[in-house]
């Protein structure tokens, strides 16, 4: 309709039986639109719900490993990890220690290091490996195009 004064815009809205809604108050001149206010609110809420629905951060999935895991079993678990990461989830890789395995925690660190090396640029470490009771856990997220976590790279476990 062009540039109108406030009173002219209000009169036009009354003539049409609609409401005058200010869209961009900080613009020069301020932008307003003539429409039904209830319908406008409904559309805005609908947009907000749709944006919230698509903004889910994904779940945290957990995969258990053993310090004595075979190479093939590790590869199977890592393929599952890749699937979870593609779906937008984060993955918690947990090495469970039983009995005397607790005396050799470095083996668990080595298993997690091997997992990161095998995943390559498909995953990045979000939480460094940490002992929690009898479990050694770390969280991985989607990779950032070849960027690896420098701390994990430098943490080479001595044999």
N, C-alpha and C. Protein backbone atom coordinates (compact mmCIF):
# COMPACT_ATOMS: atom_id res chain seq x y z
N UNK A 1 0.82 -1.20 0.00
CA UNK A 1 0.00 0.00 0.00
C UNK A 1 0.85 1.25 0.00
N UNK A 2 2.14 1.08 0.25
CA UNK A 2 3.01 2.25 0.25
C UNK A 2 3.20 2.80 1.64
N UNK A 3 3.72 4.02 1.70
CA UNK A 3 3.99 4.66 2.97
C UNK A 3 2.75 5.45 3.37
N UNK A 4 2.22 5.12 4.55
CA UNK A 4 1.04 5.79 5.09
C UNK A 4 1.35 6.31 6.48
N UNK A 5 0.59 7.31 6.91
CA UNK A 5 0.74 7.75 8.30
C UNK A 5 0.05 6.72 9.18
N UNK A 6 0.30 6.81 10.45
CA UNK A 6 -0.27 5.85 11.38
C UNK A 6 -1.79 5.90 11.37
N UNK A 7 -2.34 7.08 11.38
CA UNK A 7 -3.80 7.21 11.41
C UNK A 7 -4.43 6.69 10.13
N UNK A 8 -3.81 6.98 8.97
CA UNK A 8 -4.33 6.47 7.70
C UNK A 8 -4.33 4.94 7.69
N UNK A 9 -3.25 4.34 8.19
CA UNK A 9 -3.14 2.88 8.21
C UNK A 9 -4.20 2.28 9.13
N UNK A 10 -4.44 2.91 10.29
CA UNK A 10 -5.46 2.42 11.21
C UNK A 10 -6.85 2.51 10.59
N UNK A 11 -7.13 3.61 9.87
CA UNK A 11 -8.44 3.77 9.21
C UNK A 11 -8.63 2.69 8.14
N UNK A 12 -7.59 2.43 7.35
CA UNK A 12 -7.68 1.40 6.30
C UNK A 12 -7.99 0.03 6.93
N UNK A 13 -7.30 -0.25 8.05
CA UNK A 13 -7.51 -1.53 8.72
C UNK A 13 -8.95 -1.65 9.23
N UNK A 14 -9.48 -0.56 9.78
CA UNK A 14 -10.87 -0.57 10.27
C UNK A 14 -11.84 -0.79 9.13
N UNK A 15 -11.59 -0.14 7.99
CA UNK A 15 -12.46 -0.30 6.82
C UNK A 15 -12.52 -1.77 6.39
N UNK A 16 -11.37 -2.45 6.42
CA UNK A 16 -11.30 -3.83 5.98
C UNK A 16 -11.71 -4.82 7.08
N UNK A 17 -11.93 -4.32 8.31
CA UNK A 17 -12.28 -5.19 9.42
C UNK A 17 -11.12 -6.04 9.88
N UNK A 18 -9.92 -5.55 9.72
CA UNK A 18 -8.69 -6.27 10.08
C UNK A 18 -7.94 -5.51 11.16
N UNK A 19 -6.79 -6.02 11.53
CA UNK A 19 -5.93 -5.38 12.52
C UNK A 19 -4.66 -4.87 11.85
N UNK A 20 -4.10 -3.80 12.42
CA UNK A 20 -2.83 -3.26 11.94
C UNK A 20 -1.73 -3.83 12.84
N UNK A 21 -0.82 -4.62 12.26
CA UNK A 21 0.24 -5.28 13.03
C UNK A 21 1.58 -4.73 12.62
N UNK A 22 2.34 -4.27 13.61
CA UNK A 22 3.68 -3.73 13.36
C UNK A 22 4.65 -4.91 13.23
N UNK A 23 5.28 -5.04 12.08
CA UNK A 23 6.18 -6.16 11.79
C UNK A 23 7.62 -5.82 12.15
N UNK A 24 8.10 -4.68 11.69
CA UNK A 24 9.49 -4.27 11.94
C UNK A 24 9.49 -2.84 12.49
N UNK A 25 9.41 -2.70 13.82
CA UNK A 25 9.32 -1.36 14.40
C UNK A 25 10.61 -0.55 14.27
N UNK A 26 11.75 -1.20 14.14
CA UNK A 26 13.04 -0.48 14.09
C UNK A 26 13.42 -0.04 12.68
N UNK A 27 12.65 -0.45 11.68
CA UNK A 27 12.97 -0.08 10.30
C UNK A 27 12.61 1.40 10.06
N UNK A 28 13.16 1.98 9.00
CA UNK A 28 12.84 3.36 8.62
C UNK A 28 12.16 3.35 7.28
N UNK A 29 10.95 3.66 7.12
CA UNK A 29 9.90 3.83 8.14
C UNK A 29 9.49 2.48 8.70
N UNK A 30 8.84 2.45 9.88
CA UNK A 30 8.41 1.18 10.47
C UNK A 30 7.49 0.41 9.51
N UNK A 31 7.63 -0.91 9.49
CA UNK A 31 6.83 -1.74 8.60
C UNK A 31 5.66 -2.35 9.38
N UNK A 32 4.46 -2.20 8.79
CA UNK A 32 3.26 -2.75 9.41
C UNK A 32 2.46 -3.47 8.33
N UNK A 33 1.56 -4.36 8.79
CA UNK A 33 0.75 -5.07 7.82
C UNK A 33 -0.68 -5.18 8.35
N UNK A 34 -1.62 -5.16 7.42
CA UNK A 34 -3.03 -5.24 7.79
C UNK A 34 -3.47 -6.69 7.60
N UNK A 35 -3.83 -7.35 8.71
CA UNK A 35 -4.25 -8.74 8.69
C UNK A 35 -5.00 -9.05 9.97
N UNK A 36 -5.56 -10.26 10.06
CA UNK A 36 -6.25 -10.71 11.26
C UNK A 36 -5.20 -11.08 12.30
N UNK A 37 -5.28 -10.48 13.48
CA UNK A 37 -4.26 -10.68 14.50
C UNK A 37 -4.23 -12.13 15.00
N UNK A 38 -5.39 -12.75 15.18
CA UNK A 38 -5.44 -14.14 15.66
C UNK A 38 -4.75 -15.08 14.67
N UNK A 39 -5.01 -14.86 13.39
CA UNK A 39 -4.38 -15.68 12.35
C UNK A 39 -2.86 -15.46 12.35
N UNK A 40 -2.46 -14.21 12.51
CA UNK A 40 -1.04 -13.86 12.55
C UNK A 40 -0.35 -14.58 13.71
N UNK A 41 -0.97 -14.55 14.92
CA UNK A 41 -0.39 -15.22 16.08
C UNK A 41 -0.30 -16.72 15.86
N UNK A 42 -1.32 -17.30 15.26
CA UNK A 42 -1.32 -18.73 14.98
C UNK A 42 -0.15 -19.10 14.05
N UNK A 43 0.03 -18.32 12.99
CA UNK A 43 1.12 -18.59 12.04
C UNK A 43 2.49 -18.46 12.71
N UNK A 44 2.65 -17.45 13.56
CA UNK A 44 3.93 -17.25 14.25
C UNK A 44 4.22 -18.43 15.19
N UNK A 45 3.20 -18.88 15.94
CA UNK A 45 3.39 -20.03 16.84
C UNK A 45 3.72 -21.28 16.05
N UNK A 46 3.09 -21.43 14.90
CA UNK A 46 3.34 -22.60 14.05
C UNK A 46 4.80 -22.60 13.57
N UNK A 47 5.30 -21.44 13.17
CA UNK A 47 6.70 -21.33 12.74
C UNK A 47 7.65 -21.67 13.89
N UNK A 48 7.33 -21.17 15.08
CA UNK A 48 8.18 -21.40 16.25
C UNK A 48 8.22 -22.89 16.60
N UNK A 49 7.07 -23.56 16.58
CA UNK A 49 7.02 -24.98 16.88
C UNK A 49 7.83 -25.78 15.86
N UNK A 50 7.72 -25.40 14.60
CA UNK A 50 8.46 -26.11 13.55
C UNK A 50 9.96 -25.93 13.73
N UNK A 51 10.39 -24.75 14.13
CA UNK A 51 11.83 -24.52 14.31
C UNK A 51 12.35 -25.28 15.53
N UNK A 52 11.53 -25.37 16.59
CA UNK A 52 11.94 -26.13 17.77
C UNK A 52 12.01 -27.62 17.46
N UNK A 53 11.10 -28.09 16.65
CA UNK A 53 11.05 -29.51 16.31
C UNK A 53 12.31 -29.95 15.57
N UNK A 54 12.79 -29.13 14.66
CA UNK A 54 13.97 -29.46 13.87
C UNK A 54 15.28 -29.22 14.58
N UNK A 55 15.25 -28.59 15.75
CA UNK A 55 16.48 -28.21 16.43
C UNK A 55 16.89 -29.19 17.52
N UNK A 56 16.44 -30.44 17.43
CA UNK A 56 16.79 -31.39 18.47
C UNK A 56 18.28 -31.71 18.37
N UNK A 57 18.95 -31.79 19.51
CA UNK A 57 20.38 -32.04 19.54
C UNK A 57 20.74 -33.50 19.41
N UNK A 58 19.77 -34.37 19.28
CA UNK A 58 20.06 -35.79 19.20
C UNK A 58 20.21 -36.40 20.57
N UNK A 59 20.27 -37.69 20.60
CA UNK A 59 20.39 -38.40 21.86
C UNK A 59 21.84 -38.79 22.11
N UNK A 60 22.06 -39.29 23.31
CA UNK A 60 23.37 -39.83 23.65
C UNK A 60 23.23 -41.34 23.66
N UNK A 61 23.88 -42.01 22.73
CA UNK A 61 23.86 -43.47 22.64
C UNK A 61 25.12 -44.00 23.31
N UNK A 62 25.01 -45.17 23.91
CA UNK A 62 26.18 -45.75 24.59
C UNK A 62 26.50 -47.12 23.99
N UNK A 63 27.77 -47.34 23.70
CA UNK A 63 28.24 -48.64 23.23
C UNK A 63 29.30 -49.15 24.21
N UNK A 64 29.16 -50.40 24.61
CA UNK A 64 30.09 -50.99 25.56
C UNK A 64 31.17 -51.76 24.83
N UNK A 65 32.38 -51.61 25.34
CA UNK A 65 33.53 -52.32 24.80
C UNK A 65 34.20 -53.06 25.95
N UNK A 66 35.09 -53.96 25.61
CA UNK A 66 35.85 -54.70 26.61
C UNK A 66 37.32 -54.43 26.36
N UNK A 67 38.16 -54.48 27.40
CA UNK A 67 39.60 -54.28 27.15
C UNK A 67 40.16 -55.40 26.27
N UNK A 68 39.51 -56.58 26.24
CA UNK A 68 39.99 -57.71 25.46
C UNK A 68 39.16 -57.89 24.19
N UNK A 69 38.62 -56.81 23.65
CA UNK A 69 37.74 -56.90 22.48
C UNK A 69 38.56 -57.29 21.24
N UNK A 70 37.98 -58.17 20.44
CA UNK A 70 38.65 -58.60 19.21
C UNK A 70 38.53 -57.49 18.16
N UNK A 71 39.44 -57.51 17.20
CA UNK A 71 39.47 -56.46 16.18
C UNK A 71 38.16 -56.40 15.39
N UNK A 72 37.64 -57.57 14.99
CA UNK A 72 36.40 -57.60 14.22
C UNK A 72 35.23 -57.05 15.04
N UNK A 73 35.15 -57.42 16.32
CA UNK A 73 34.08 -56.92 17.18
C UNK A 73 34.16 -55.41 17.33
N UNK A 74 35.38 -54.89 17.45
CA UNK A 74 35.56 -53.44 17.54
C UNK A 74 35.09 -52.75 16.27
N UNK A 75 35.42 -53.34 15.12
CA UNK A 75 34.99 -52.76 13.85
C UNK A 75 33.47 -52.75 13.72
N UNK A 76 32.81 -53.81 14.20
CA UNK A 76 31.34 -53.87 14.16
C UNK A 76 30.75 -52.75 15.02
N UNK A 77 31.31 -52.58 16.22
CA UNK A 77 30.81 -51.54 17.12
C UNK A 77 31.05 -50.14 16.54
N UNK A 78 32.17 -49.97 15.85
CA UNK A 78 32.48 -48.66 15.27
C UNK A 78 31.58 -48.36 14.08
N UNK A 79 31.17 -49.39 13.33
CA UNK A 79 30.20 -49.16 12.25
C UNK A 79 28.89 -48.68 12.83
N UNK A 80 28.49 -49.27 13.96
CA UNK A 80 27.27 -48.84 14.64
C UNK A 80 27.44 -47.39 15.12
N UNK A 81 28.61 -47.07 15.61
CA UNK A 81 28.91 -45.71 16.06
C UNK A 81 28.74 -44.73 14.90
N UNK A 82 29.26 -45.09 13.74
CA UNK A 82 29.13 -44.22 12.56
C UNK A 82 27.67 -44.00 12.20
N UNK A 83 26.85 -45.05 12.30
CA UNK A 83 25.42 -44.91 12.00
C UNK A 83 24.77 -43.93 12.96
N UNK A 84 25.09 -44.06 14.25
CA UNK A 84 24.53 -43.15 15.25
C UNK A 84 24.95 -41.71 14.96
N UNK A 85 26.21 -41.51 14.59
CA UNK A 85 26.71 -40.17 14.30
C UNK A 85 26.03 -39.57 13.08
N UNK A 86 25.77 -40.40 12.05
CA UNK A 86 25.08 -39.91 10.85
C UNK A 86 23.67 -39.45 11.18
N UNK A 87 23.05 -40.12 12.18
CA UNK A 87 21.69 -39.75 12.59
C UNK A 87 21.67 -38.50 13.48
N UNK A 88 22.85 -37.95 13.79
CA UNK A 88 22.92 -36.73 14.59
C UNK A 88 23.04 -36.98 16.08
N UNK A 89 23.30 -38.21 16.48
CA UNK A 89 23.44 -38.53 17.90
C UNK A 89 24.90 -38.45 18.31
N UNK A 90 25.12 -38.31 19.61
CA UNK A 90 26.46 -38.42 20.17
C UNK A 90 26.59 -39.84 20.71
N UNK A 91 27.81 -40.34 20.78
CA UNK A 91 28.03 -41.72 21.21
C UNK A 91 29.01 -41.74 22.37
N UNK A 92 28.61 -42.46 23.42
CA UNK A 92 29.48 -42.65 24.57
C UNK A 92 30.09 -44.04 24.44
N UNK A 93 31.38 -44.09 24.23
CA UNK A 93 32.09 -45.37 24.14
C UNK A 93 32.60 -45.70 25.54
N UNK A 94 32.18 -46.85 26.07
CA UNK A 94 32.52 -47.24 27.43
C UNK A 94 33.24 -48.57 27.43
N UNK A 95 34.42 -48.59 28.07
CA UNK A 95 35.16 -49.84 28.26
C UNK A 95 34.88 -50.29 29.69
N UNK A 96 34.28 -51.48 29.81
CA UNK A 96 33.96 -52.03 31.14
C UNK A 96 35.07 -52.98 31.58
N UNK A 97 35.54 -52.77 32.80
CA UNK A 97 36.59 -53.62 33.35
C UNK A 97 35.97 -54.60 34.33
N UNK A 98 36.45 -55.86 34.28
CA UNK A 98 35.98 -56.90 35.20
C UNK A 98 37.18 -57.46 35.95
N UNK A 99 37.00 -57.70 37.21
CA UNK A 99 38.03 -58.38 38.01
C UNK A 99 39.39 -57.74 37.92
N UNK A 100 40.37 -58.56 37.55
CA UNK A 100 41.76 -58.09 37.52
C UNK A 100 42.09 -57.21 36.33
N UNK A 101 41.14 -57.03 35.42
CA UNK A 101 41.38 -56.11 34.30
C UNK A 101 41.62 -54.68 34.80
N UNK A 102 41.12 -54.40 36.01
CA UNK A 102 41.32 -53.06 36.58
C UNK A 102 42.80 -52.73 36.77
N UNK A 103 43.62 -53.74 36.90
CA UNK A 103 45.06 -53.53 37.10
C UNK A 103 45.73 -53.04 35.82
N UNK A 104 45.04 -53.19 34.68
CA UNK A 104 45.64 -52.80 33.40
C UNK A 104 44.72 -51.84 32.65
N UNK A 105 44.50 -50.70 33.25
CA UNK A 105 43.60 -49.72 32.65
C UNK A 105 44.17 -49.14 31.37
N UNK A 106 45.49 -49.21 31.19
CA UNK A 106 46.10 -48.67 29.98
C UNK A 106 45.59 -49.40 28.74
N UNK A 107 45.18 -50.66 28.90
CA UNK A 107 44.63 -51.41 27.76
C UNK A 107 43.31 -50.78 27.32
N UNK A 108 42.51 -50.35 28.28
CA UNK A 108 41.25 -49.67 27.96
C UNK A 108 41.49 -48.36 27.22
N UNK A 109 42.49 -47.60 27.67
CA UNK A 109 42.84 -46.36 26.97
C UNK A 109 43.29 -46.67 25.54
N UNK A 110 44.03 -47.76 25.37
CA UNK A 110 44.50 -48.14 24.04
C UNK A 110 43.31 -48.51 23.13
N UNK A 111 42.32 -49.21 23.69
CA UNK A 111 41.13 -49.58 22.91
C UNK A 111 40.41 -48.32 22.43
N UNK A 112 40.25 -47.34 23.31
CA UNK A 112 39.57 -46.10 22.91
C UNK A 112 40.41 -45.33 21.89
N UNK A 113 41.73 -45.35 22.04
CA UNK A 113 42.60 -44.68 21.08
C UNK A 113 42.49 -45.34 19.71
N UNK A 114 42.45 -46.68 19.70
CA UNK A 114 42.27 -47.41 18.44
C UNK A 114 40.93 -47.05 17.80
N UNK A 115 39.90 -46.93 18.63
CA UNK A 115 38.57 -46.59 18.13
C UNK A 115 38.60 -45.22 17.44
N UNK A 116 39.23 -44.25 18.06
CA UNK A 116 39.32 -42.91 17.47
C UNK A 116 40.12 -42.96 16.17
N UNK A 117 41.21 -43.71 16.17
CA UNK A 117 42.02 -43.82 14.95
C UNK A 117 41.24 -44.47 13.82
N UNK A 118 40.45 -45.50 14.13
CA UNK A 118 39.66 -46.18 13.10
C UNK A 118 38.50 -45.31 12.60
N UNK A 119 37.92 -44.51 13.49
CA UNK A 119 36.83 -43.63 13.07
C UNK A 119 37.35 -42.49 12.20
N UNK A 120 38.59 -42.07 12.43
CA UNK A 120 39.22 -41.02 11.62
C UNK A 120 38.46 -39.71 11.71
N UNK A 121 38.17 -39.10 10.54
CA UNK A 121 37.52 -37.79 10.53
C UNK A 121 36.00 -37.88 10.62
N UNK A 122 35.47 -39.08 10.80
CA UNK A 122 34.02 -39.25 10.92
C UNK A 122 33.54 -38.86 12.31
N UNK A 123 34.47 -38.79 13.28
CA UNK A 123 34.10 -38.47 14.65
C UNK A 123 35.15 -37.57 15.29
N UNK A 124 34.71 -36.79 16.25
CA UNK A 124 35.64 -35.97 17.02
C UNK A 124 35.34 -36.19 18.50
N UNK A 125 36.36 -36.14 19.32
CA UNK A 125 36.21 -36.37 20.75
C UNK A 125 35.60 -35.13 21.39
N UNK A 126 34.48 -35.33 22.09
CA UNK A 126 33.83 -34.22 22.78
C UNK A 126 34.17 -34.24 24.26
N UNK A 127 34.38 -35.44 24.82
CA UNK A 127 34.77 -35.57 26.22
C UNK A 127 35.88 -36.61 26.28
N UNK A 128 37.00 -36.23 26.82
CA UNK A 128 38.18 -37.09 26.90
C UNK A 128 37.89 -38.34 27.72
N UNK A 129 38.64 -39.43 27.49
CA UNK A 129 38.45 -40.65 28.28
C UNK A 129 38.66 -40.38 29.77
N UNK A 130 37.73 -40.92 30.57
CA UNK A 130 37.78 -40.68 32.01
C UNK A 130 37.26 -41.91 32.74
N UNK A 131 37.94 -42.30 33.81
CA UNK A 131 37.51 -43.44 34.61
C UNK A 131 36.35 -43.02 35.51
N UNK A 132 35.31 -43.85 35.51
CA UNK A 132 34.15 -43.65 36.38
C UNK A 132 33.87 -44.99 37.04
N UNK A 133 34.48 -45.22 38.18
CA UNK A 133 34.34 -46.52 38.83
C UNK A 133 35.09 -47.58 38.04
N UNK A 134 34.39 -48.61 37.57
CA UNK A 134 35.01 -49.67 36.79
C UNK A 134 34.84 -49.45 35.29
N UNK A 135 34.42 -48.26 34.91
CA UNK A 135 34.17 -47.96 33.50
C UNK A 135 35.06 -46.81 33.04
N UNK A 136 35.57 -46.94 31.84
CA UNK A 136 36.35 -45.89 31.20
C UNK A 136 35.50 -45.38 30.04
N UNK A 137 35.11 -44.10 30.08
CA UNK A 137 34.17 -43.57 29.08
C UNK A 137 34.71 -42.35 28.38
N UNK A 138 34.29 -42.20 27.13
CA UNK A 138 34.55 -40.97 26.38
C UNK A 138 33.36 -40.75 25.45
N UNK A 139 33.11 -39.50 25.12
CA UNK A 139 31.99 -39.15 24.25
C UNK A 139 32.54 -38.62 22.93
N UNK A 140 31.99 -39.14 21.83
CA UNK A 140 32.38 -38.68 20.50
C UNK A 140 31.16 -38.08 19.81
N UNK A 141 31.42 -37.07 18.99
CA UNK A 141 30.38 -36.44 18.21
C UNK A 141 30.76 -36.49 16.75
N UNK A 142 29.92 -35.88 15.94
CA UNK A 142 30.16 -35.88 14.50
C UNK A 142 31.48 -35.17 14.18
N UNK A 143 32.22 -35.72 13.25
CA UNK A 143 33.52 -35.17 12.87
C UNK A 143 33.39 -33.81 12.21
N UNK A 144 34.45 -33.05 12.24
CA UNK A 144 34.44 -31.70 11.68
C UNK A 144 35.32 -31.65 10.43
N UNK A 145 35.15 -32.59 9.54
CA UNK A 145 35.89 -32.57 8.27
C UNK A 145 37.37 -32.75 8.40
N UNK A 146 37.79 -33.76 9.14
CA UNK A 146 39.21 -34.06 9.21
C UNK A 146 39.91 -33.45 10.40
N UNK A 147 39.23 -32.66 11.21
CA UNK A 147 39.85 -32.06 12.38
C UNK A 147 39.79 -33.07 13.51
N UNK A 148 40.95 -33.44 14.04
CA UNK A 148 40.99 -34.37 15.16
C UNK A 148 41.37 -33.60 16.41
N UNK A 149 41.01 -34.15 17.52
CA UNK A 149 41.33 -33.53 18.79
C UNK A 149 42.82 -33.72 19.07
N UNK A 150 43.54 -32.64 19.22
CA UNK A 150 44.99 -32.68 19.38
C UNK A 150 45.39 -33.40 20.66
N UNK A 151 44.61 -33.21 21.76
CA UNK A 151 44.98 -33.86 23.02
C UNK A 151 44.94 -35.37 22.88
N UNK A 152 43.91 -35.90 22.24
CA UNK A 152 43.80 -37.34 22.08
C UNK A 152 44.91 -37.86 21.18
N UNK A 153 45.25 -37.11 20.14
CA UNK A 153 46.35 -37.52 19.26
C UNK A 153 47.65 -37.63 20.03
N UNK A 154 47.90 -36.68 20.96
CA UNK A 154 49.15 -36.64 21.68
C UNK A 154 49.19 -37.64 22.84
N UNK A 155 48.03 -38.16 23.26
CA UNK A 155 47.99 -39.09 24.38
C UNK A 155 48.26 -40.50 23.88
N UNK A 156 49.47 -40.80 23.55
CA UNK A 156 49.84 -42.14 23.10
C UNK A 156 50.13 -42.97 24.35
N UNK A 157 49.48 -44.12 24.44
CA UNK A 157 49.64 -44.99 25.60
C UNK A 157 50.88 -45.85 25.39
N UNK A 158 51.73 -45.86 26.40
CA UNK A 158 52.95 -46.67 26.28
C UNK A 158 52.63 -48.15 26.42
N UNK A 159 53.27 -48.97 25.60
CA UNK A 159 52.99 -50.42 25.60
C UNK A 159 53.76 -51.11 26.70
